[in-house]
Amino acid sequence: MKSERDLKEIVARRIEFFRKKPEAAIYKPKVTSRHIKNLYTESMAREHLVKSDYGEAAGGDNQAPNPIELLLAAFAACIEAAFYEFAVHEGFTINALTVDVEGTLDLRGLFMVDDVSAGFKDLRYTFNIESPDDEKKIRELAEKVIAHCPVVDSLKKPTPVSGEIIVSKG
C-alpha cells in the first residue's frame, strides 16, 4: 500500500509528465462484462472483478450492487480519491473522508412504460471532510476536484455513445 509521501510524489510526477507530454494523458479504460445467471453479471476492469445484480424485488438474487448503484459508487469514489490525492499533494491533513451520493430515476423509462428518460433526473452528493486545516481552502479544493472529476464531468455533459450489436446463432 502506498504511503502519503509516495502518493504526493506520484501526483507531482504525473502532473509534470502530463504538462510535458499532453498526449500521454489520454487514457482509454476498457471493461468487459459477462452475463452469469439471471440478472447477475461479472465485469473485468483491468484484473479486478466487478459484480452486479439486482435486489430480489427487481428479479435479482441481491448478490451485488445493481448497475445504477455502481455508477453512484463510481461518482463517490472518483471525487473521494481525487480529493485525497490532491489534498496530500498540497500538504493538507485529512483525518476522515466520506461521500454520499443519491439520485432520482423514473423506472418507467427503463421498462418502456412511458416515453420518459431512463437516466437520472438529478444527482446529489454530500462530501464529508474532517481536517484540522483551513476550512475555506479545503472547500476550494473540494470544489476544484468536483469540477475536474472525470466521472462527474461525464455525467454532466453529453457524451457520445456508440457501439455495435453482434448476434450469433448458438
C-alpha atoms as a PDB file:
ATOM      1  CA  MET A   1       0.000   0.000   0.000  1.00  0.00           C
ATOM      2  CA  LYS A   2       1.294   3.448  -0.912  1.00  0.00           C
ATOM      3  CA  SER A   3       2.148   5.962   1.807  1.00  0.00           C
ATOM      4  CA  GLU A   4       1.044   9.598   1.682  1.00  0.00           C
ATOM      5  CA  ARG A   5       4.617  10.525   0.777  1.00  0.00           C
ATOM      6  CA  ASP A   6       4.570   8.047  -2.116  1.00  0.00           C
ATOM      7  CA  LEU A   7       1.227   9.429  -3.273  1.00  0.00           C
ATOM      8  CA  LYS A   8       2.472  13.016  -3.089  1.00  0.00           C
ATOM      9  CA  GLU A   9       5.486  12.105  -5.264  1.00  0.00           C
ATOM     10  CA  ILE A  10       3.360  10.145  -7.749  1.00  0.00           C
ATOM     11  CA  VAL A  11       0.897  13.030  -8.183  1.00  0.00           C
ATOM     12  CA  ALA A  12       3.724  15.549  -8.634  1.00  0.00           C
ATOM     13  CA  ARG A  13       5.446  13.323 -11.239  1.00  0.00           C
ATOM     14  CA  ARG A  14       2.208  12.748 -13.156  1.00  0.00           C
ATOM     15  CA  ILE A  15       1.348  16.454 -13.249  1.00  0.00           C
ATOM     16  CA  GLU A  16       4.811  17.335 -14.547  1.00  0.00           C
ATOM     17  CA  PHE A  17       4.785  14.468 -17.072  1.00  0.00           C
ATOM     18  CA  PHE A  18       1.354  15.418 -18.458  1.00  0.00           C
ATOM     19  CA  ARG A  19       2.440  19.048 -18.763  1.00  0.00           C
ATOM     20  CA  LYS A  20       5.431  17.970 -20.856  1.00  0.00           C
ATOM     21  CA  LYS A  21       3.617  15.257 -22.828  1.00  0.00           C
ATOM     22  CA  PRO A  22      -0.117  16.024 -23.034  1.00  0.00           C
ATOM     23  CA  GLU A  23      -0.663  13.119 -25.429  1.00  0.00           C
ATOM     24  CA  ALA A  24       0.426  10.721 -22.670  1.00  0.00           C
ATOM     25  CA  ALA A  25      -2.574  11.828 -20.588  1.00  0.00           C
ATOM     26  CA  ILE A  26      -5.039  10.159 -22.965  1.00  0.00           C
ATOM     27  CA  TYR A  27      -6.486   7.181 -21.086  1.00  0.00           C
ATOM     28  CA  LYS A  28      -8.779   4.605 -22.671  1.00  0.00           C
ATOM     29  CA  PRO A  29     -10.095   2.249 -19.999  1.00  0.00           C
ATOM     30  CA  LYS A  30     -11.946  -0.881 -21.033  1.00  0.00           C
ATOM     31  CA  VAL A  31     -14.331  -3.120 -19.120  1.00  0.00           C
ATOM     32  CA  THR A  32     -15.655  -6.469 -20.337  1.00  0.00           C
ATOM     33  CA  SER A  33     -18.881  -7.732 -18.793  1.00  0.00           C
ATOM     34  CA  ARG A  34     -20.357 -11.220 -18.950  1.00  0.00           C
ATOM     35  CA  HIS A  35     -23.844 -12.451 -18.108  1.00  0.00           C
ATOM     36  CA  ILE A  36     -23.594 -15.212 -15.496  1.00  0.00           C
ATOM     37  CA  LYS A  37     -27.149 -16.038 -14.407  1.00  0.00           C
ATOM     38  CA  ASN A  38     -30.485 -14.252 -14.241  1.00  0.00           C
ATOM     39  CA  LEU A  39     -29.627 -10.551 -13.619  1.00  0.00           C
ATOM     40  CA  TYR A  40     -26.168 -11.285 -12.187  1.00  0.00           C
ATOM     41  CA  THR A  41     -23.152 -10.169 -14.238  1.00  0.00           C
ATOM     42  CA  GLU A  42     -19.411 -10.083 -13.738  1.00  0.00           C
ATOM     43  CA  SER A  43     -17.217  -7.441 -15.309  1.00  0.00           C
ATOM     44  CA  MET A  44     -13.451  -7.277 -15.536  1.00  0.00           C
ATOM     45  CA  ALA A  45     -11.757  -3.904 -15.128  1.00  0.00           C
ATOM     46  CA  ARG A  46      -8.029  -4.484 -15.534  1.00  0.00           C
ATOM     47  CA  GLU A  47      -7.506  -7.514 -13.254  1.00  0.00           C
ATOM     48  CA  HIS A  48     -10.410  -6.637 -10.949  1.00  0.00           C
ATOM     49  CA  LEU A  49     -13.747  -8.432 -10.825  1.00  0.00           C
ATOM     50  CA  VAL A  50     -16.816  -6.194 -10.501  1.00  0.00           C
ATOM     51  CA  LYS A  51     -20.071  -7.974  -9.670  1.00  0.00           C
ATOM     52  CA  SER A  52     -23.544  -6.651 -10.388  1.00  0.00           C
ATOM     53  CA  ASP A  53     -27.007  -7.916  -9.530  1.00  0.00           C
ATOM     54  CA  TYR A  54     -30.412  -6.561  -8.680  1.00  0.00           C
ATOM     55  CA  GLY A  55     -32.383  -6.873  -5.480  1.00  0.00           C
ATOM     56  CA  GLU A  56     -34.932  -9.656  -5.133  1.00  0.00           C
ATOM     57  CA  ALA A  57     -37.890  -7.300  -5.633  1.00  0.00           C
ATOM     58  CA  ALA A  58     -36.419  -6.394  -9.047  1.00  0.00           C
ATOM     59  CA  GLY A  59     -35.938 -10.036 -10.067  1.00  0.00           C
ATOM     60  CA  GLY A  60     -32.326 -10.497  -8.999  1.00  0.00           C
ATOM     61  CA  ASP A  61     -30.727 -12.509  -6.222  1.00  0.00           C
ATOM     62  CA  ASN A  62     -29.276  -9.497  -4.357  1.00  0.00           C
ATOM     63  CA  GLN A  63     -25.692 -10.772  -4.652  1.00  0.00           C
ATOM     64  CA  ALA A  64     -24.129  -7.399  -5.521  1.00  0.00           C
ATOM     65  CA  PRO A  65     -24.955  -3.735  -6.173  1.00  0.00           C
ATOM     66  CA  ASN A  66     -27.014  -3.026  -9.276  1.00  0.00           C
ATOM     67  CA  PRO A  67     -25.504  -1.069 -12.195  1.00  0.00           C
ATOM     68  CA  ILE A  68     -27.069   2.225 -11.079  1.00  0.00           C
ATOM     69  CA  GLU A  69     -25.604   1.789  -7.585  1.00  0.00           C
ATOM     70  CA  LEU A  70     -22.228   1.038  -9.172  1.00  0.00           C
ATOM     71  CA  LEU A  71     -22.494   4.296 -11.131  1.00  0.00           C
ATOM     72  CA  LEU A  72     -23.164   6.177  -7.883  1.00  0.00           C
ATOM     73  CA  ALA A  73     -20.220   4.357  -6.275  1.00  0.00           C
ATOM     74  CA  ALA A  74     -18.004   5.406  -9.208  1.00  0.00           C
ATOM     75  CA  PHE A  75     -19.124   9.034  -8.717  1.00  0.00           C
ATOM     76  CA  ALA A  76     -18.332   8.922  -4.981  1.00  0.00           C
ATOM     77  CA  ALA A  77     -15.052   7.026  -5.353  1.00  0.00           C
ATOM     78  CA  CYS A  78     -13.807   9.349  -8.088  1.00  0.00           C
ATOM     79  CA  ILE A  79     -14.260  12.569  -6.121  1.00  0.00           C
ATOM     80  CA  GLU A  80     -13.008  10.927  -2.925  1.00  0.00           C
ATOM     81  CA  ALA A  81      -9.816   9.594  -4.500  1.00  0.00           C
ATOM     82  CA  ALA A  82      -9.142  12.777  -6.475  1.00  0.00           C
ATOM     83  CA  PHE A  83      -9.723  14.949  -3.413  1.00  0.00           C
ATOM     84  CA  TYR A  84      -7.441  12.814  -1.267  1.00  0.00           C
ATOM     85  CA  GLU A  85      -4.599  12.691  -3.781  1.00  0.00           C
ATOM     86  CA  PHE A  86      -4.672  16.471  -4.288  1.00  0.00           C
ATOM     87  CA  ALA A  87      -5.094  17.163  -0.562  1.00  0.00           C
ATOM     88  CA  VAL A  88      -1.961  15.100   0.095  1.00  0.00           C
ATOM     89  CA  HIS A  89      -0.178  16.766  -2.836  1.00  0.00           C
ATOM     90  CA  GLU A  90      -0.962  20.223  -1.413  1.00  0.00           C
ATOM     91  CA  GLY A  91       0.005  19.272   2.145  1.00  0.00           C
ATOM     92  CA  PHE A  92      -3.421  19.103   3.797  1.00  0.00           C
ATOM     93  CA  THR A  93      -4.137  16.687   6.630  1.00  0.00           C
ATOM     94  CA  ILE A  94      -7.274  14.618   6.067  1.00  0.00           C
ATOM     95  CA  ASN A  95      -8.476  12.669   9.100  1.00  0.00           C
ATOM     96  CA  ALA A  96     -11.690  11.309   7.584  1.00  0.00           C
ATOM     97  CA  LEU A  97     -13.393  11.492   4.219  1.00  0.00           C
ATOM     98  CA  THR A  98     -16.762  10.144   3.051  1.00  0.00           C
ATOM     99  CA  VAL A  99     -19.066  10.902   0.154  1.00  0.00           C
ATOM    100  CA  ASP A 100     -22.780  10.113  -0.010  1.00  0.00           C
ATOM    101  CA  VAL A 101     -24.374  10.163  -3.467  1.00  0.00           C
ATOM    102  CA  GLU A 102     -28.030   9.689  -4.334  1.00  0.00           C
ATOM    103  CA  GLY A 103     -30.179  10.307  -7.341  1.00  0.00           C
ATOM    104  CA  THR A 104     -33.707  10.070  -8.689  1.00  0.00           C
ATOM    105  CA  LEU A 105     -34.759   7.744 -11.513  1.00  0.00           C
ATOM    106  CA  ASP A 106     -38.126   7.226 -13.160  1.00  0.00           C
ATOM    107  CA  LEU A 107     -38.216   3.463 -13.790  1.00  0.00           C
ATOM    108  CA  ARG A 108     -40.976   3.869 -16.368  1.00  0.00           C
ATOM    109  CA  GLY A 109     -38.171   4.797 -18.778  1.00  0.00           C
ATOM    110  CA  LEU A 110     -36.282   1.538 -18.167  1.00  0.00           C
ATOM    111  CA  PHE A 111     -39.417  -0.561 -18.522  1.00  0.00           C
ATOM    112  CA  MET A 112     -40.586   1.380 -21.609  1.00  0.00           C
ATOM    113  CA  VAL A 113     -43.899   2.174 -19.898  1.00  0.00           C
ATOM    114  CA  ASP A 114     -43.785   5.848 -20.907  1.00  0.00           C
ATOM    115  CA  ASP A 115     -41.588   7.999 -23.108  1.00  0.00           C
ATOM    116  CA  VAL A 116     -39.531   9.340 -20.194  1.00  0.00           C
ATOM    117  CA  SER A 117     -35.778   9.362 -19.716  1.00  0.00           C
ATOM    118  CA  ALA A 118     -34.343   6.166 -18.264  1.00  0.00           C
ATOM    119  CA  GLY A 119     -31.458   8.143 -16.778  1.00  0.00           C
ATOM    120  CA  PHE A 120     -31.105  10.154 -13.625  1.00  0.00           C
ATOM    121  CA  LYS A 121     -33.294  13.214 -13.192  1.00  0.00           C
ATOM    122  CA  ASP A 122     -30.781  14.554 -10.674  1.00  0.00           C
ATOM    123  CA  LEU A 123     -27.772  13.549  -8.617  1.00  0.00           C
ATOM    124  CA  ARG A 124     -26.897  14.911  -5.183  1.00  0.00           C
ATOM    125  CA  TYR A 125     -23.753  14.432  -3.155  1.00  0.00           C
ATOM    126  CA  THR A 126     -22.625  15.200   0.377  1.00  0.00           C
ATOM    127  CA  PHE A 127     -18.867  15.484   0.790  1.00  0.00           C
ATOM    128  CA  ASN A 128     -17.860  14.984   4.450  1.00  0.00           C
ATOM    129  CA  ILE A 129     -14.283  16.074   5.144  1.00  0.00           C
ATOM    130  CA  GLU A 130     -12.607  16.064   8.549  1.00  0.00           C
ATOM    131  CA  SER A 131      -9.431  18.150   8.614  1.00  0.00           C
ATOM    132  CA  PRO A 132      -7.631  20.490  11.033  1.00  0.00           C
ATOM    133  CA  ASP A 133      -6.698  22.729   8.083  1.00  0.00           C
ATOM    134  CA  ASP A 134      -8.309  25.977   6.912  1.00  0.00           C
ATOM    135  CA  GLU A 135     -11.961  25.276   6.050  1.00  0.00           C
ATOM    136  CA  LYS A 136     -12.039  27.768   3.177  1.00  0.00           C
ATOM    137  CA  LYS A 137      -9.004  26.173   1.495  1.00  0.00           C
ATOM    138  CA  ILE A 138     -10.449  22.671   1.972  1.00  0.00           C
ATOM    139  CA  ARG A 139     -13.760  23.785   0.409  1.00  0.00           C
ATOM    140  CA  GLU A 140     -11.939  25.398  -2.521  1.00  0.00           C
ATOM    141  CA  LEU A 141     -10.004  22.198  -3.176  1.00  0.00           C
ATOM    142  CA  ALA A 142     -13.182  20.097  -2.943  1.00  0.00           C
ATOM    143  CA  GLU A 143     -14.946  22.368  -5.453  1.00  0.00           C
ATOM    144  CA  LYS A 144     -11.983  22.180  -7.869  1.00  0.00           C
ATOM    145  CA  VAL A 145     -11.887  18.396  -7.587  1.00  0.00           C
ATOM    146  CA  ILE A 146     -15.620  18.065  -8.249  1.00  0.00           C
ATOM    147  CA  ALA A 147     -15.292  20.341 -11.292  1.00  0.00           C
ATOM    148  CA  HIS A 148     -12.457  18.173 -12.692  1.00  0.00           C
ATOM    149  CA  CYS A 149     -13.636  14.674 -11.732  1.00  0.00           C
ATOM    150  CA  PRO A 150     -13.903  12.552 -14.919  1.00  0.00           C
ATOM    151  CA  VAL A 151     -16.971  10.669 -13.665  1.00  0.00           C
ATOM    152  CA  VAL A 152     -18.822  13.845 -12.689  1.00  0.00           C
ATOM    153  CA  ASP A 153     -17.821  15.516 -15.960  1.00  0.00           C
ATOM    154  CA  SER A 154     -19.061  12.507 -17.954  1.00  0.00           C
ATOM    155  CA  LEU A 155     -22.409  12.630 -16.151  1.00  0.00           C
ATOM    156  CA  LYS A 156     -22.860  16.393 -16.552  1.00  0.00           C
ATOM    157  CA  LYS A 157     -22.104  16.771 -20.242  1.00  0.00           C
ATOM    158  CA  PRO A 158     -23.457  14.901 -23.216  1.00  0.00           C
ATOM    159  CA  THR A 159     -21.010  12.110 -24.013  1.00  0.00           C
ATOM    160  CA  PRO A 160     -21.251  10.478 -27.434  1.00  0.00           C
ATOM    161  CA  VAL A 161     -22.136   6.805 -27.072  1.00  0.00           C
ATOM    162  CA  SER A 162     -21.645   4.456 -29.994  1.00  0.00           C
ATOM    163  CA  GLY A 163     -21.396   0.735 -30.401  1.00  0.00           C
ATOM    164  CA  GLU A 164     -22.343  -2.314 -32.329  1.00  0.00           C
ATOM    165  CA  ILE A 165     -24.604  -5.274 -31.730  1.00  0.00           C
ATOM    166  CA  ILE A 166     -23.327  -8.694 -32.744  1.00  0.00           C
ATOM    167  CA  VAL A 167     -25.812 -11.576 -32.814  1.00  0.00           C
ATOM    168  CA  SER A 168     -24.603 -15.107 -33.463  1.00  0.00           C
ATOM    169  CA  LYS A 169     -26.513 -18.367 -33.721  1.00  0.00           C
ATOM    170  CA  GLY A 170     -25.865 -20.659 -30.832  1.00  0.00           C
END
